[in-house]
Amino acid sequence: MKRISLGLVLLVMPLIAVACTGGDKKDAATGTVPVPSGAAASSGMVAPNTFLTFEGARYRLADTLQANLVGQDGFTQVGTTREADIEFEGDLKVYRRDGDGQSLYTLSPATGEGERAVPALWLRWMP
């Protein structure tokens, strides 16, 4: 089974952010590029053909959410799996989120430092 590195999945996030926010249209007061409402926690892009199997059902990676923006409230662990096309060690904890009965979530810890840092991410898997 192939494994996809989250670093590779997230490599193009800065380019997508520039494309989605209009490039260099910075807010004059803050000097930052505004993020569209409702999209702040989502990367907007995931690697295609990335799957997780849980309790005999197959789920496709649908979204990544920055854990520091989403938090951990409302996530309940429902089990573990060893079948996912991402890098992980041991058993991968699987969660459900309040108000989202269809999706599964897994939590990937933050990695790297400085420019190579990748924040902790909730990965959303859809049936």
Foldseek 3Di string as FASTA:
>chain_A
DAADEVLVFCVCLVVVQCVQQVHCPADPVPRHGDDDPPCVFWSPTGDPPWWFADPRDIWTFDIKGFCVVVPDPQKDFDAWGPGTRHDDDDTWTWIDGPPGVFKIWTWDDWDDDDPSTDHIIITIIGD
